[in-house]
Amino acid sequence: MSTPDRKLSTPRRLSDGTLRVVALGGISEVGRNMTMFESRFPRLGSRLLVIDCGMLLGKTNAPGVDLGLPDWSAYAERLNDIDAIVLTHGHEDHIGALPYLLRSRPDIPLIGSRLTMALITAKLEQHRIRPVTQIVREGERIKAGPWDLQFYAVNHSIPDALAVAVRSPGGTILHTGDFKMDQTPLDGRITDLPGFSRLGDEGVDLLLSDSTNAEVPGFIPSERDVGKVVADVITKAQGRVIVACFASHVHRVQQVLDAAEESGRLVAMVGRSMVRNMQIARDLGLLKVPEGILVDLADADSIPSSRLLLVCTGSQGEPLSALSRMANREHPSIRIVSDDLILLASSLIPGNENSVFTVINGLSRLGATVVHKSTALVHVSGHAPAGELRYLLNAVRPRNLMPVHGEWRHLRAHAAIARSTGMTDDQIMLAENGVVVDLADGVASVVGEIEIDNVYVDGLAVGDIGDQVIKQRQILGDEGFVSILVAVDLHAGKVVFGPELTARGFTDDPNALDPIRAELIRIVEKAVVDGVRDADALAHIVRRTVGRWVDKTYRRRPMLMPQVIEV
């Protein structure tokens, strides 16, 4: 099994007849999916193709950071070599980073389905970018520059999702995007397993496949089963119903609208992204809204609670989402009351558990009844579990597999599934972000790695802060801050002012640091007598002395900022 368990060298120059695959995000994490493909074409030389360009979902574990992006810096000087960006579907972890990439080259062609392109166009309008788009459908086979692309329908938790086969001089790959195999989806659009099998007959050299649910055995229940439970919960509710789901989950919103009509409720959409996305889906004919059922949020107060249903964002506990603001009593127009029923119609994204449970507890404290996936079948995942992944492998019969889209536990579970179908370890590429996989003559191998960093969006700045700044913010948040000011007469060898120690976020005791003052004076004066005359060297001694004492006394390691002034 190929795995990056050692330090890899910089990859060699790409040779003819080779397809190079590098994940710039999306492996060993959930989100910021972006994969770069490179191949050499006759008379054109080396060309690039991108599949997906998403942002990180869940917590970034980076204080003050708004978003996490893929790291395409290794290709920053080669953006003109990109022939297209293929978008498998419209979820933020697959399209959310596009505005930041297109700032550098706005005319990169974007290829995807109707809904995906509509969502992308609306997103880019907010960034004043007019994209170059090409709409494709399942079954189509097109050229993007020299790249030969063929698209296949896949079922997911958003309509119009696509898988893509890429044919190049280096071989044929199939990238599934996110998918599952619901046999009775609401829109009747099932994953094209026969098409995958025909492609397998032709020969697939490398399969890049969704790993998110590889640890989950069996098969995913149908969305239709969820619809029955959702309708039952809504019908039996006595007071107001508030449904929280992803702003892109058109099928779930359709089920809610149908249940509201059946139970005689009026519906108001809450949150700009929810309103915008559902209007796009409605315009495309993907969302059927019963006549007269929608009302403006401003008119909701005049409707009896037993006849009102709200659809909002916030199922992942996002701090600024509508549901989080309701739980914190910060929403400008909606106050939670004791007879409210809250329905969380989504799965937990890894890393969001604490945020979601905080929102649930906040809503429960206010007296609301909260129904979620752990208590009722109100959501099913959009990702294929182990049984469906095994079906895919047996249909496609790839020569090599590269598990993508998941944390390490998901990737290794996917590898185990592949071994159960007869694949050998040498055929399975466990390659995290930045690891370079070359495909030639049907053989895949790890040939090196490129440096991949965490890229953060902090306010209006992109990439201006790095891991060192994040580490400092984490120390400040976890341990606090202590500043030490000392004035020293170098000629007399005496401390003439201080040490003045000021703590923030460390302790409420104003005298907590007093015991170290006398010892600090003694050590600084001794250092001056011993010949230390440099202020920076004395500051280092101050930091070391205070740090050791604080660690010994409090078992804490706050950020220390010593300043020594020469007098």
Protein backbone atom coordinates (compact mmCIF):
# COMPACT_ATOMS: atom_id res chain seq x y z
CA MET A 1 0.00 0.00 0.00
CA SER A 2 1.50 3.32 -1.04
CA THR A 3 1.44 5.68 1.91
CA PRO A 4 3.37 8.86 2.78
CA ASP A 5 4.96 7.46 5.94
CA ARG A 6 8.36 8.90 5.12
CA LYS A 7 9.72 12.22 3.93
CA LEU A 8 9.34 12.34 0.18
CA SER A 9 11.50 14.25 -2.26
CA THR A 10 10.45 16.83 -4.83
CA PRO A 11 8.92 14.97 -7.80
CA ARG A 12 10.89 14.68 -11.01
CA ARG A 13 9.86 16.43 -14.21
CA LEU A 14 6.69 14.98 -15.70
CA SER A 15 7.47 12.57 -18.51
CA ASP A 16 5.47 11.88 -21.67
CA GLY A 17 2.68 9.33 -21.32
CA THR A 18 2.17 10.09 -17.63
CA LEU A 19 -0.80 11.56 -15.76
CA ARG A 20 0.14 13.34 -12.53
CA VAL A 21 -2.41 13.65 -9.69
CA VAL A 22 -1.91 15.96 -6.69
CA ALA A 23 -4.53 16.69 -4.04
CA LEU A 24 -4.20 20.32 -2.93
CA GLY A 25 -6.83 19.76 -0.24
CA GLY A 26 -9.55 17.33 0.76
CA ILE A 27 -7.47 14.35 1.92
CA SER A 28 -7.11 13.63 5.66
CA GLU A 29 -9.76 16.32 6.26
CA VAL A 30 -13.38 17.09 5.46
CA GLY A 31 -13.51 20.01 3.06
CA ARG A 32 -11.32 22.19 0.82
CA ASN A 33 -11.51 19.57 -1.92
CA MET A 34 -9.24 20.38 -4.85
CA THR A 35 -7.28 18.01 -7.08
CA MET A 36 -4.79 19.02 -9.76
CA PHE A 37 -4.21 16.84 -12.83
CA GLU A 38 -1.26 17.32 -15.15
CA SER A 39 -0.35 15.61 -18.41
CA ARG A 40 1.83 16.31 -21.44
CA PHE A 41 0.05 16.61 -24.79
CA PRO A 42 1.58 16.58 -28.29
CA ARG A 43 2.43 20.12 -29.49
CA LEU A 44 0.94 21.62 -26.31
CA GLY A 45 3.34 20.46 -23.64
CA SER A 46 2.25 20.18 -20.04
CA ARG A 47 -1.36 21.17 -19.30
CA LEU A 48 -3.41 21.31 -16.10
CA LEU A 49 -6.97 20.34 -15.17
CA VAL A 50 -8.62 21.02 -11.79
CA ILE A 51 -11.48 19.08 -10.23
CA ASP A 52 -13.31 21.01 -7.48
CA CYS A 53 -12.14 24.04 -5.53
CA GLY A 54 -13.74 24.06 -2.09
CA MET A 55 -13.31 25.54 1.34
CA LEU A 56 -12.78 23.77 4.65
CA LEU A 57 -15.94 22.68 6.45
CA GLY A 58 -16.23 22.55 10.20
CA LYS A 59 -13.91 24.17 12.69
CA THR A 60 -10.54 25.32 11.33
CA ASN A 61 -8.99 25.13 14.84
CA ALA A 62 -7.47 28.46 13.91
CA PRO A 63 -8.62 31.37 16.14
CA GLY A 64 -9.91 34.38 14.24
CA VAL A 65 -9.88 32.60 10.89
CA ASP A 66 -12.95 32.82 8.68
CA LEU A 67 -12.16 30.14 6.09
CA GLY A 68 -9.59 27.52 5.19
CA LEU A 69 -8.63 27.18 1.51
CA PRO A 70 -6.68 24.67 -0.58
CA ASP A 71 -3.05 25.59 -1.17
CA TRP A 72 -2.48 26.12 -4.90
CA SER A 73 0.69 28.19 -4.37
CA ALA A 74 2.85 25.53 -6.08
CA TYR A 75 0.91 26.29 -9.29
CA ALA A 76 0.56 30.05 -8.81
CA GLU A 77 2.90 30.76 -11.74
CA ARG A 78 1.09 28.27 -13.97
CA LEU A 79 -2.53 29.40 -13.74
CA ASN A 80 -2.52 30.08 -17.50
CA ASP A 81 -1.86 26.37 -18.05
CA ILE A 82 -5.21 25.42 -16.45
CA ASP A 83 -7.63 24.42 -19.21
CA ALA A 84 -10.70 24.16 -16.95
CA ILE A 85 -12.03 23.64 -13.46
CA VAL A 86 -14.60 20.83 -13.27
CA LEU A 87 -17.08 21.19 -10.39
CA THR A 88 -18.71 17.93 -9.34
CA HIS A 89 -21.54 19.63 -7.39
CA GLY A 90 -22.54 22.82 -5.62
CA HIS A 91 -21.57 22.23 -1.99
CA GLU A 92 -19.27 24.80 -0.39
CA ASP A 93 -16.53 22.25 0.29
CA HIS A 94 -16.30 21.82 -3.49
CA ILE A 95 -16.93 25.36 -4.80
CA GLY A 96 -16.32 27.71 -1.86
CA ALA A 97 -12.69 28.62 -2.70
CA LEU A 98 -13.40 29.61 -6.32
CA PRO A 99 -13.67 33.37 -5.67
CA TYR A 100 -10.15 33.40 -4.22
CA LEU A 101 -8.60 31.42 -7.09
CA LEU A 102 -10.41 33.41 -9.75
CA ARG A 103 -9.06 36.66 -8.34
CA SER A 104 -5.77 35.71 -9.97
CA ARG A 105 -7.29 34.49 -13.26
CA PRO A 106 -11.01 35.21 -13.68
CA ASP A 107 -11.30 33.60 -17.14
CA ILE A 108 -10.56 30.01 -16.15
CA PRO A 109 -13.45 28.02 -17.71
CA LEU A 110 -15.77 26.45 -15.12
CA ILE A 111 -17.59 23.25 -16.09
CA GLY A 112 -20.51 21.74 -14.19
CA SER A 113 -24.22 21.01 -14.09
CA ARG A 114 -27.07 23.55 -14.29
CA LEU A 115 -27.56 23.92 -10.55
CA THR A 116 -23.85 23.92 -9.79
CA MET A 117 -23.21 26.71 -12.31
CA ALA A 118 -26.17 28.72 -11.04
CA LEU A 119 -24.93 28.54 -7.45
CA ILE A 120 -21.40 29.43 -8.52
CA THR A 121 -22.56 32.38 -10.61
CA ALA A 122 -24.58 33.77 -7.69
CA LYS A 123 -21.60 33.35 -5.36
CA LEU A 124 -19.17 35.04 -7.74
CA GLU A 125 -21.52 37.97 -8.29
CA GLN A 126 -20.91 38.91 -4.65
CA HIS A 127 -17.18 39.08 -5.48
CA ARG A 128 -17.79 41.05 -8.71
CA ILE A 129 -16.47 38.18 -10.84
CA ARG A 130 -18.16 37.16 -14.09
CA PRO A 131 -17.16 33.55 -14.64
CA VAL A 132 -16.72 31.71 -17.92
CA THR A 133 -19.07 28.75 -17.51
CA GLN A 134 -20.04 25.67 -19.48
CA ILE A 135 -23.09 23.65 -18.45
CA VAL A 136 -22.93 19.89 -18.96
CA ARG A 137 -25.31 17.02 -18.31
CA GLU A 138 -24.81 13.39 -17.43
CA GLY A 139 -23.91 11.31 -20.46
CA GLU A 140 -22.13 14.17 -22.24
CA ARG A 141 -18.57 13.82 -23.47
CA ILE A 142 -16.70 17.06 -24.17
CA LYS A 143 -13.25 18.48 -24.73
CA ALA A 144 -11.72 20.99 -22.32
CA GLY A 145 -8.62 22.05 -24.18
CA PRO A 146 -6.91 18.72 -24.89
CA TRP A 147 -8.65 16.94 -21.99
CA ASP A 148 -11.36 14.39 -22.84
CA LEU A 149 -14.13 14.56 -20.21
CA GLN A 150 -17.21 12.38 -19.79
CA PHE A 151 -19.88 12.97 -17.14
CA TYR A 152 -22.01 10.54 -15.15
CA ALA A 153 -25.02 11.09 -12.90
CA VAL A 154 -24.46 10.48 -9.21
CA ASN A 155 -26.93 10.75 -6.37
CA HIS A 156 -26.00 13.06 -3.48
CA SER A 157 -27.62 15.41 -0.97
CA ILE A 158 -27.82 18.14 -3.61
CA PRO A 159 -29.36 17.79 -7.09
CA ASP A 160 -27.35 17.67 -10.30
CA ALA A 161 -24.19 16.09 -8.87
CA LEU A 162 -21.80 14.58 -11.39
CA ALA A 163 -18.88 12.18 -11.55
CA VAL A 164 -16.29 12.76 -14.27
CA ALA A 165 -14.05 10.47 -16.30
CA VAL A 166 -10.85 12.07 -17.59
CA ARG A 167 -9.03 10.53 -20.55
CA SER A 168 -5.47 11.69 -21.19
CA PRO A 169 -2.19 10.38 -22.62
CA GLY A 170 -1.35 9.07 -19.16
CA GLY A 171 -4.49 6.98 -18.82
CA THR A 172 -8.14 7.14 -17.79
CA ILE A 173 -9.29 8.20 -14.34
CA LEU A 174 -12.75 8.32 -12.78
CA HIS A 175 -13.44 10.91 -10.09
CA THR A 176 -16.74 10.16 -8.32
CA GLY A 177 -17.15 13.46 -6.49
CA ASP A 178 -19.49 12.96 -3.52
CA PHE A 179 -22.02 10.23 -4.14
CA LYS A 180 -24.32 7.56 -2.74
CA MET A 181 -26.58 4.94 -4.32
CA ASP A 182 -30.12 5.81 -3.27
CA GLN A 183 -32.29 3.53 -5.41
CA THR A 184 -35.45 5.62 -4.95
CA PRO A 185 -34.28 9.26 -4.89
CA LEU A 186 -36.85 12.03 -4.87
CA ASP A 187 -35.86 13.26 -8.32
CA GLY A 188 -35.54 9.75 -9.82
CA ARG A 189 -31.91 10.44 -10.77
CA ILE A 190 -29.88 7.45 -9.61
CA THR A 191 -26.14 6.93 -9.64
CA ASP A 192 -25.14 5.63 -13.09
CA LEU A 193 -23.70 2.29 -12.04
CA PRO A 194 -24.25 0.80 -15.55
CA GLY A 195 -22.29 3.70 -17.03
CA PHE A 196 -19.47 3.14 -14.54
CA SER A 197 -19.46 -0.55 -15.48
CA ARG A 198 -19.18 0.26 -19.19
CA LEU A 199 -16.30 2.59 -18.40
CA GLY A 200 -14.75 -0.24 -16.42
CA ASP A 201 -15.02 -2.48 -19.49
CA GLU A 202 -13.03 0.15 -21.39
CA GLY A 203 -10.50 0.28 -18.57
CA VAL A 204 -10.12 2.66 -15.61
CA ASP A 205 -6.50 3.17 -14.61
CA LEU A 206 -7.21 5.15 -11.43
CA LEU A 207 -10.39 5.62 -9.38
CA LEU A 208 -10.63 8.61 -7.05
CA SER A 209 -13.56 7.84 -4.78
CA ASP A 210 -15.45 9.48 -1.90
CA SER A 211 -14.36 7.98 1.45
CA THR A 212 -16.50 9.91 3.96
CA ASN A 213 -18.69 6.97 5.02
CA ALA A 214 -16.21 4.15 4.43
CA GLU A 215 -16.40 3.20 8.12
CA VAL A 216 -20.19 2.82 7.98
CA PRO A 217 -21.32 -0.71 7.06
CA GLY A 218 -24.12 -1.60 4.69
CA PHE A 219 -26.24 0.79 2.63
CA ILE A 220 -27.78 4.24 3.15
CA PRO A 221 -31.57 4.40 3.68
CA SER A 222 -33.56 6.19 1.01
CA GLU A 223 -34.46 9.87 1.16
CA ARG A 224 -38.08 8.77 0.81
CA ASP A 225 -37.86 7.05 4.20
CA VAL A 226 -36.69 10.34 5.69
CA GLY A 227 -39.57 12.20 4.10
CA LYS A 228 -42.12 10.04 5.92
CA VAL A 229 -40.50 10.72 9.31
CA VAL A 230 -40.12 14.44 8.64
CA ALA A 231 -43.77 14.68 7.61
CA ASP A 232 -44.86 12.76 10.72
CA VAL A 233 -42.83 15.04 13.04
CA ILE A 234 -44.23 18.19 11.42
CA THR A 235 -47.83 16.93 11.38
CA LYS A 236 -47.80 16.03 15.08
CA ALA A 237 -46.22 19.31 16.23
CA GLN A 238 -48.57 21.52 18.26
CA GLY A 239 -46.70 24.81 18.00
CA ARG A 240 -44.31 26.48 15.62
CA VAL A 241 -41.86 24.27 13.69
CA ILE A 242 -38.36 25.42 12.80
CA VAL A 243 -36.40 23.20 10.37
CA ALA A 244 -32.64 23.73 10.06
CA CYS A 245 -30.74 22.20 7.15
CA PHE A 246 -28.06 23.03 4.62
CA ALA A 247 -28.98 25.92 2.36
CA SER A 248 -28.23 23.66 -0.60
CA HIS A 249 -30.32 20.62 0.42
CA VAL A 250 -33.10 21.13 -2.11
CA HIS A 251 -34.58 17.66 -1.59
CA ARG A 252 -34.91 18.12 2.15
CA VAL A 253 -36.58 21.50 1.70
CA GLN A 254 -38.94 19.91 -0.84
CA GLN A 255 -39.94 17.30 1.74
CA VAL A 256 -40.53 20.04 4.31
CA LEU A 257 -42.68 22.06 1.89
CA ASP A 258 -44.76 18.99 1.06
CA ALA A 259 -45.23 18.20 4.75
CA ALA A 260 -46.17 21.82 5.49
CA GLU A 261 -48.81 21.77 2.76
CA GLU A 262 -50.21 18.50 4.08
CA SER A 263 -50.42 19.83 7.63
CA GLY A 264 -51.84 23.23 6.65
CA ARG A 265 -48.80 25.31 7.56
CA LEU A 266 -47.33 28.39 5.91
CA VAL A 267 -43.58 28.55 5.35
CA ALA A 268 -41.05 31.36 5.72
CA MET A 269 -37.42 31.02 4.61
CA VAL A 270 -34.85 32.45 7.04
CA GLY A 271 -31.32 33.42 6.06
CA ARG A 272 -29.96 34.99 2.88
CA SER A 273 -28.25 31.83 1.60
CA MET A 274 -31.40 29.77 2.14
CA VAL A 275 -33.60 32.30 0.34
CA ARG A 276 -31.12 32.69 -2.53
CA ASN A 277 -30.45 28.98 -3.10
CA MET A 278 -34.08 27.93 -2.95
CA GLN A 279 -35.02 30.66 -5.42
CA ILE A 280 -32.32 29.35 -7.79
CA ALA A 281 -33.61 25.79 -7.40
CA ARG A 282 -37.17 26.99 -7.99
CA ASP A 283 -36.16 28.88 -11.14
CA LEU A 284 -34.48 25.74 -12.49
CA GLY A 285 -37.53 23.61 -11.78
CA LEU A 286 -35.71 21.56 -9.14
CA LEU A 287 -37.94 22.80 -6.29
CA LYS A 288 -41.73 22.61 -6.55
CA VAL A 289 -43.34 25.16 -4.24
CA PRO A 290 -47.05 24.63 -3.49
CA GLU A 291 -49.16 27.62 -4.44
CA GLY A 292 -49.59 30.23 -1.69
CA ILE A 293 -47.50 28.40 0.91
CA LEU A 294 -44.58 30.85 1.15
CA VAL A 295 -44.81 33.97 3.32
CA ASP A 296 -42.34 36.72 4.08
CA LEU A 297 -40.56 36.49 7.41
CA ALA A 298 -41.79 39.99 8.24
CA ASP A 299 -45.38 38.68 8.18
CA ALA A 300 -44.68 35.58 10.29
CA ASP A 301 -45.67 37.23 13.59
CA SER A 302 -49.25 37.59 12.37
CA ILE A 303 -49.59 33.85 11.73
CA PRO A 304 -50.67 31.50 14.56
CA SER A 305 -47.74 29.37 15.72
CA SER A 306 -49.66 26.16 14.99
CA ARG A 307 -49.80 27.17 11.30
CA LEU A 308 -46.21 28.42 10.89
CA LEU A 309 -43.05 26.63 9.76
CA LEU A 310 -39.65 28.28 9.36
CA VAL A 311 -36.81 26.86 7.25
CA CYS A 312 -33.40 28.19 8.25
CA THR A 313 -29.66 27.60 8.18
CA GLY A 314 -27.53 26.62 11.15
CA SER A 315 -27.67 22.83 11.31
CA GLN A 316 -23.90 22.76 11.91
CA GLY A 317 -23.92 25.25 14.78
CA GLU A 318 -22.32 28.02 12.71
CA PRO A 319 -21.93 31.04 15.04
CA LEU A 320 -23.60 33.58 12.74
CA SER A 321 -26.30 31.29 11.38
CA ALA A 322 -29.99 31.91 12.01
CA LEU A 323 -30.42 28.97 14.39
CA SER A 324 -27.38 29.85 16.52
CA ARG A 325 -28.65 33.41 16.88
CA MET A 326 -32.05 32.05 17.94
CA ALA A 327 -30.40 29.81 20.56
CA ASN A 328 -28.49 32.82 21.93
CA ARG A 329 -31.55 35.10 21.80
CA GLU A 330 -29.71 37.31 19.32
CA HIS A 331 -31.98 36.91 16.29
CA PRO A 332 -33.64 40.23 15.41
CA SER A 333 -37.11 38.81 14.76
CA ILE A 334 -37.40 35.24 16.08
CA ARG A 335 -37.60 34.35 19.78
CA ILE A 336 -37.71 30.73 20.85
CA VAL A 337 -40.67 29.80 23.06
CA SER A 338 -41.55 26.67 24.99
CA ASP A 339 -43.90 25.12 22.43
CA ASP A 340 -41.43 25.41 19.51
CA LEU A 341 -40.26 22.23 17.82
CA ILE A 342 -36.80 22.41 16.23
CA LEU A 343 -35.93 19.85 13.57
CA LEU A 344 -32.20 19.49 12.70
CA ALA A 345 -32.33 17.78 9.31
CA SER A 346 -28.63 17.17 8.73
CA SER A 347 -25.64 15.03 9.69
CA LEU A 348 -22.79 16.26 11.84
CA ILE A 349 -19.69 17.30 9.93
CA PRO A 350 -16.63 16.02 11.85
CA GLY A 351 -15.31 18.82 14.02
CA ASN A 352 -18.71 20.51 14.47
CA GLU A 353 -20.01 18.27 17.26
CA ASN A 354 -19.43 20.71 20.12
CA SER A 355 -20.92 23.64 18.21
CA VAL A 356 -24.06 21.69 17.32
CA PHE A 357 -24.56 20.36 20.86
CA THR A 358 -24.10 23.89 22.21
CA VAL A 359 -26.94 25.09 19.96
CA ILE A 360 -29.14 22.12 20.94
CA ASN A 361 -28.55 22.84 24.62
CA GLY A 362 -29.28 26.53 24.11
CA LEU A 363 -32.57 25.78 22.38
CA SER A 364 -33.50 23.19 25.03
CA ARG A 365 -32.76 25.67 27.81
CA LEU A 366 -35.29 28.02 26.23
CA GLY A 367 -37.91 25.26 26.39
CA ALA A 368 -37.94 24.10 22.76
CA THR A 369 -38.16 20.43 21.76
CA VAL A 370 -35.23 19.50 19.51
CA VAL A 371 -35.45 16.54 17.12
CA HIS A 372 -32.23 15.46 15.38
CA LYS A 373 -30.66 12.50 13.64
CA SER A 374 -29.78 10.76 16.91
CA THR A 375 -33.43 10.70 18.00
CA ALA A 376 -35.29 10.14 14.70
CA LEU A 377 -34.62 9.33 11.03
CA VAL A 378 -34.77 12.97 9.96
CA HIS A 379 -31.66 12.86 7.78
CA VAL A 380 -29.59 10.39 5.80
CA SER A 381 -26.05 10.97 4.64
CA GLY A 382 -25.19 11.93 1.10
CA HIS A 383 -22.09 9.72 1.08
CA ALA A 384 -21.80 6.04 0.15
CA PRO A 385 -21.13 3.62 3.03
CA ALA A 386 -19.00 0.49 2.79
CA GLY A 387 -21.53 -1.68 0.94
CA GLU A 388 -22.03 0.90 -1.80
CA LEU A 389 -18.30 1.58 -2.13
CA ARG A 390 -17.76 -2.15 -2.66
CA TYR A 391 -20.44 -2.16 -5.38
CA LEU A 392 -18.65 0.72 -7.11
CA LEU A 393 -15.27 -1.00 -6.98
CA ASN A 394 -16.72 -4.20 -8.44
CA ALA A 395 -18.50 -2.29 -11.20
CA VAL A 396 -15.54 -0.12 -12.21
CA ARG A 397 -12.78 -2.68 -11.57
CA PRO A 398 -10.05 -0.01 -11.49
CA ARG A 399 -6.39 -0.89 -11.83
CA ASN A 400 -5.62 1.51 -8.98
CA LEU A 401 -7.57 3.32 -6.23
CA MET A 402 -6.89 6.67 -4.58
CA PRO A 403 -9.30 7.25 -1.67
CA VAL A 404 -10.23 10.94 -1.36
CA HIS A 405 -12.62 13.14 0.64
CA GLY A 406 -12.19 12.03 4.22
CA GLU A 407 -10.05 11.88 7.31
CA TRP A 408 -7.34 9.24 7.75
CA ARG A 409 -9.72 6.79 9.43
CA HIS A 410 -12.02 7.03 6.40
CA LEU A 411 -9.18 6.60 3.91
CA ARG A 412 -7.86 3.48 5.62
CA ALA A 413 -11.35 1.99 5.89
CA HIS A 414 -11.77 2.59 2.15
CA ALA A 415 -8.45 0.85 1.51
CA ALA A 416 -9.67 -2.16 3.50
CA ILE A 417 -12.81 -2.31 1.34
CA ALA A 418 -10.64 -2.28 -1.78
CA ARG A 419 -8.54 -5.15 -0.46
CA SER A 420 -11.73 -7.15 0.13
CA THR A 421 -12.48 -6.88 -3.61
CA GLY A 422 -9.08 -8.30 -4.53
CA MET A 423 -6.97 -5.17 -4.94
CA THR A 424 -3.42 -5.38 -3.63
CA ASP A 425 -1.65 -2.86 -1.43
CA ASP A 426 0.48 -1.73 -4.38
CA GLN A 427 -2.70 -0.69 -6.20
CA ILE A 428 -4.02 1.50 -3.36
CA MET A 429 -2.64 5.05 -3.10
CA LEU A 430 -3.02 6.47 0.40
CA ALA A 431 -1.71 9.91 -0.46
CA GLU A 432 -2.41 12.92 1.72
CA ASN A 433 -2.45 16.53 0.50
CA GLY A 434 0.65 17.39 -1.50
CA VAL A 435 1.72 13.82 -2.25
CA VAL A 436 2.33 13.36 -5.96
CA VAL A 437 0.91 10.26 -7.66
CA ASP A 438 1.99 9.45 -11.22
CA LEU A 439 0.01 7.15 -13.48
CA ALA A 440 1.73 5.52 -16.47
CA ASP A 441 0.96 2.33 -18.39
CA GLY A 442 -1.76 1.44 -15.90
CA VAL A 443 0.59 1.62 -12.90
CA ALA A 444 0.16 4.25 -10.18
CA SER A 445 2.99 5.17 -7.84
CA VAL A 446 3.95 7.85 -5.33
CA VAL A 447 6.85 9.83 -6.82
CA GLY A 448 7.32 12.70 -4.37
CA GLU A 449 5.52 15.56 -2.70
CA ILE A 450 5.07 19.30 -2.93
CA GLU A 451 4.74 21.57 0.09
CA ILE A 452 1.13 22.15 1.09
CA ASP A 453 0.31 24.64 3.85
CA ASN A 454 -2.87 25.74 5.56
CA VAL A 455 -4.18 28.83 3.74
CA TYR A 456 -6.42 31.02 5.86
CA VAL A 457 -8.87 33.79 5.05
CA ASP A 458 -8.70 36.31 7.90
CA GLY A 459 -11.01 39.25 7.25
CA LEU A 460 -10.09 40.58 3.82
CA ALA A 461 -6.62 39.02 3.86
CA VAL A 462 -5.88 35.68 2.18
CA GLY A 463 -2.76 33.79 3.15
CA ASP A 464 -1.30 36.67 5.17
CA ILE A 465 -1.21 34.64 8.36
CA GLY A 466 0.54 31.33 8.78
CA ASP A 467 0.78 28.50 11.25
CA GLN A 468 3.09 30.54 13.53
CA VAL A 469 0.46 33.25 13.99
CA ILE A 470 -2.23 30.63 14.56
CA LYS A 471 -0.06 28.94 17.19
CA GLN A 472 0.39 32.28 18.96
CA ARG A 473 -3.38 32.87 18.92
CA GLN A 474 -3.99 29.41 20.34
CA ILE A 475 -1.53 30.05 23.18
CA LEU A 476 -3.22 33.36 23.93
CA GLY A 477 -6.62 31.69 23.97
CA ASP A 478 -5.55 28.69 26.06
CA GLU A 479 -2.91 30.06 28.41
CA GLY A 480 -3.13 33.86 28.43
CA PHE A 481 -0.50 36.57 28.19
CA VAL A 482 2.13 37.98 30.56
CA SER A 483 4.22 41.06 29.80
CA ILE A 484 7.35 41.87 31.81
CA LEU A 485 8.92 45.32 31.79
CA VAL A 486 12.37 45.83 33.37
CA ALA A 487 14.59 48.94 33.30
CA VAL A 488 18.30 48.28 33.95
CA ASP A 489 21.20 50.64 34.67
CA LEU A 490 23.97 48.77 32.87
CA HIS A 491 26.74 50.87 34.41
CA ALA A 492 25.56 50.38 37.99
CA GLY A 493 24.40 46.81 37.35
CA LYS A 494 21.05 47.53 39.00
CA VAL A 495 17.37 47.16 38.14
CA VAL A 496 16.02 50.70 38.49
CA PHE A 497 12.40 50.03 37.54
CA GLY A 498 10.24 46.94 37.87
CA PRO A 499 9.97 44.28 37.10
CA GLU A 500 6.41 45.20 36.23
CA LEU A 501 4.44 42.05 35.36
CA THR A 502 1.04 42.41 33.70
CA ALA A 503 -1.17 39.40 32.98
CA ARG A 504 -4.20 39.07 30.72
CA GLY A 505 -6.27 35.90 30.44
CA PHE A 506 -4.00 34.20 33.00
CA THR A 507 -5.54 34.71 36.43
CA ASP A 508 -7.91 37.02 38.31
CA ASP A 509 -5.45 37.28 41.25
CA PRO A 510 -3.62 40.63 40.91
CA ASN A 511 -0.84 39.36 43.19
CA ALA A 512 -0.30 36.00 41.51
CA LEU A 513 3.04 37.01 39.95
CA ASP A 514 4.48 38.91 42.94
CA PRO A 515 6.63 36.01 44.28
CA ILE A 516 8.85 36.00 41.17
CA ARG A 517 9.76 39.69 41.29
CA ALA A 518 12.61 39.50 43.81
CA GLU A 519 14.11 36.42 42.13
CA LEU A 520 13.90 38.11 38.74
CA ILE A 521 15.74 41.21 40.04
CA ARG A 522 18.49 39.01 41.48
CA ILE A 523 18.97 37.03 38.25
CA VAL A 524 18.99 40.12 35.99
CA GLU A 525 21.47 41.99 38.18
CA LYS A 526 23.71 38.92 38.36
CA ALA A 527 23.64 38.62 34.58
CA VAL A 528 24.71 42.26 34.18
CA VAL A 529 27.56 41.78 36.67
CA ASP A 530 28.61 38.66 34.75
CA GLY A 531 28.98 40.76 31.61
CA VAL A 532 25.64 40.47 29.82
CA ARG A 533 25.09 43.92 28.31
CA ASP A 534 22.75 43.25 25.41
CA ALA A 535 19.09 44.07 25.98
CA ASP A 536 17.91 41.17 23.81
CA ALA A 537 20.07 38.73 25.78
CA LEU A 538 18.69 40.07 29.06
CA ALA A 539 15.13 39.76 27.68
CA HIS A 540 15.84 36.11 26.88
CA ILE A 541 16.98 35.56 30.50
CA VAL A 542 13.80 37.27 31.76
CA ARG A 543 11.59 35.09 29.54
CA ARG A 544 13.35 31.90 30.62
CA THR A 545 13.22 32.76 34.32
CA VAL A 546 9.54 33.74 34.35
CA GLY A 547 8.58 30.85 32.09
CA ARG A 548 10.20 28.24 34.32
CA TRP A 549 8.65 29.71 37.46
CA VAL A 550 5.14 29.95 35.98
CA ASP A 551 5.37 26.38 34.64
CA LYS A 552 6.56 25.04 38.02
CA THR A 553 4.06 27.05 40.07
CA TYR A 554 0.93 26.92 37.89
CA ARG A 555 1.63 24.24 35.29
CA ARG A 556 0.79 26.86 32.67
CA ARG A 557 2.64 28.18 29.65
CA PRO A 558 1.28 31.63 28.79
CA MET A 559 2.73 33.80 26.05
CA LEU A 560 5.57 35.83 27.60
CA MET A 561 6.52 39.25 26.24
CA PRO A 562 9.63 40.57 28.08
CA GLN A 563 10.94 44.08 27.43
CA VAL A 564 14.27 45.26 28.85
CA ILE A 565 15.02 49.00 28.73
CA GLU A 566 18.60 50.21 29.08
CA VAL A 567 19.01 53.25 31.30
